[in-house]
Amino acid sequence: MARIKTSSLEMSLDSSSVVYKIRGTTQYIAAKPNSFIPGTDPASVFRRDQIAYIGKLSSKIYSIDTIKNLWEPKVKNHSYIYQKISADNYHAANCNDLDKLQNLLPLQILL
């Protein structure tokens, strides 16, 4: 990945082989990724369903301020509370078994 240091870009590139990205305030030129076709095997379908389920579950848990505040001491940076909720629930919850318990609270509080 190349980093663009000036605002004026004077070079000849085949734009079909590169993409331009901005991360924060830094601009990058990177090779264009190959096309991707998601797998249709049961494991791939389960992973996609599981991630979608955990995203919805984490969003609901994160939206309740009282519960969100209980997760706050378990992360170093306040902005990572949602990711911590997702990570702890990814293996604890199962989109195919909704009777399985989810981690609404951090495990250390439950013990």
Protein backbone atom coordinates (compact mmCIF):
# COMPACT_ATOMS: atom_id res chain seq x y z
CA MET A 1 0.00 0.00 0.00
CA ALA A 2 1.45 3.38 -0.98
CA ARG A 3 0.95 6.46 1.14
CA ILE A 4 0.12 9.75 -0.59
CA LYS A 5 2.13 12.58 0.96
CA THR A 6 0.92 15.52 -1.12
CA SER A 7 -2.49 16.64 -2.20
CA SER A 8 -1.48 16.85 -5.89
CA LEU A 9 -0.99 13.43 -7.39
CA GLU A 10 0.99 13.39 -10.63
CA MET A 11 1.53 9.85 -11.76
CA SER A 12 0.12 7.54 -14.35
CA LEU A 13 -1.80 4.60 -12.94
CA ASP A 14 -4.23 2.14 -14.39
CA SER A 15 -7.15 2.99 -12.10
CA SER A 16 -8.73 -0.40 -12.68
CA SER A 17 -5.90 -2.11 -10.78
CA VAL A 18 -5.78 0.17 -7.72
CA VAL A 19 -8.12 1.62 -5.14
CA TYR A 20 -7.79 4.83 -3.15
CA LYS A 21 -8.45 4.64 0.57
CA ILE A 22 -8.65 7.17 3.36
CA ARG A 23 -7.97 6.04 6.92
CA GLY A 24 -8.39 8.89 9.31
CA THR A 25 -6.64 11.80 7.61
CA THR A 26 -4.14 9.68 5.65
CA GLN A 27 -4.72 8.72 2.02
CA TYR A 28 -3.45 5.43 0.58
CA ILE A 29 -3.25 3.72 -2.79
CA ALA A 30 -3.62 -0.05 -2.61
CA ALA A 31 -3.89 -2.94 -5.03
CA LYS A 32 -7.49 -3.67 -5.91
CA PRO A 33 -8.69 -6.82 -4.11
CA ASN A 34 -9.76 -9.81 -6.14
CA SER A 35 -13.47 -10.41 -6.41
CA PHE A 36 -14.98 -12.39 -3.58
CA ILE A 37 -17.85 -14.83 -3.71
CA PRO A 38 -19.10 -15.87 -0.27
CA GLY A 39 -19.12 -19.59 0.42
CA THR A 40 -22.36 -21.50 0.48
CA ASP A 41 -21.12 -24.42 2.58
CA PRO A 42 -22.82 -24.87 5.98
CA ALA A 43 -19.83 -23.54 7.95
CA SER A 44 -19.71 -20.30 5.91
CA VAL A 45 -23.45 -19.79 6.19
CA PHE A 46 -23.29 -20.38 9.95
CA ARG A 47 -20.44 -17.85 10.37
CA ARG A 48 -22.38 -15.17 8.48
CA ASP A 49 -25.56 -15.89 10.45
CA GLN A 50 -23.64 -15.96 13.74
CA ILE A 51 -21.96 -12.61 13.07
CA ALA A 52 -25.31 -11.03 12.12
CA TYR A 53 -26.95 -12.46 15.25
CA ILE A 54 -24.12 -11.31 17.55
CA GLY A 55 -24.21 -7.85 15.97
CA LYS A 56 -27.93 -7.50 16.71
CA LEU A 57 -27.57 -8.94 20.21
CA SER A 58 -24.61 -6.68 21.05
CA SER A 59 -26.46 -3.66 19.74
CA LYS A 60 -29.40 -4.36 22.04
CA ILE A 61 -27.15 -4.93 25.08
CA TYR A 62 -25.13 -1.78 24.28
CA SER A 63 -28.29 0.33 24.00
CA ILE A 64 -29.14 -0.25 27.70
CA ASP A 65 -27.01 2.28 29.58
CA THR A 66 -27.15 0.46 32.94
CA ILE A 67 -25.78 -2.76 31.43
CA LYS A 68 -23.29 -0.89 29.21
CA ASN A 69 -21.82 0.80 32.30
CA LEU A 70 -21.20 -2.62 33.89
CA TRP A 71 -19.06 -3.58 30.87
CA GLU A 72 -17.00 -0.37 31.01
CA PRO A 73 -14.47 -1.49 33.68
CA LYS A 74 -13.66 -4.58 31.57
CA VAL A 75 -12.18 -2.56 28.69
CA LYS A 76 -9.21 -0.18 28.62
CA ASN A 77 -10.73 2.27 26.16
CA HIS A 78 -14.38 3.38 26.48
CA SER A 79 -14.89 3.07 22.71
CA TYR A 80 -14.32 -0.70 22.81
CA ILE A 81 -17.29 -1.65 25.00
CA TYR A 82 -19.36 -2.77 22.00
CA GLN A 83 -16.49 -4.92 20.67
CA LYS A 84 -16.01 -6.53 24.11
CA ILE A 85 -19.73 -7.39 24.28
CA SER A 86 -19.53 -8.89 20.78
CA ALA A 87 -16.36 -10.86 21.48
CA ASP A 88 -17.63 -12.33 24.75
CA ASN A 89 -20.93 -13.36 23.16
CA TYR A 90 -19.56 -14.73 19.88
CA HIS A 91 -18.74 -18.14 21.37
CA ALA A 92 -21.23 -18.01 24.25
CA ALA A 93 -24.32 -17.42 22.10
CA ASN A 94 -25.47 -19.49 19.14
CA CYS A 95 -27.76 -18.26 16.38
CA ASN A 96 -29.04 -21.81 15.84
CA ASP A 97 -29.74 -22.45 19.53
CA LEU A 98 -31.62 -19.49 20.97
CA ASP A 99 -32.19 -21.35 24.27
CA LYS A 100 -28.47 -20.99 25.03
CA LEU A 101 -27.71 -18.18 27.50
CA GLN A 102 -26.10 -14.96 26.32
CA ASN A 103 -23.66 -12.85 28.32
CA LEU A 104 -25.66 -9.74 29.20
CA LEU A 105 -23.07 -8.92 31.86
CA PRO A 106 -19.30 -9.46 31.97
CA LEU A 107 -18.40 -12.91 33.27
CA GLN A 108 -16.49 -11.54 36.29
CA ILE A 109 -19.69 -9.94 37.62
CA LEU A 110 -21.67 -13.15 37.22
CA LEU A 111 -19.26 -15.25 39.29
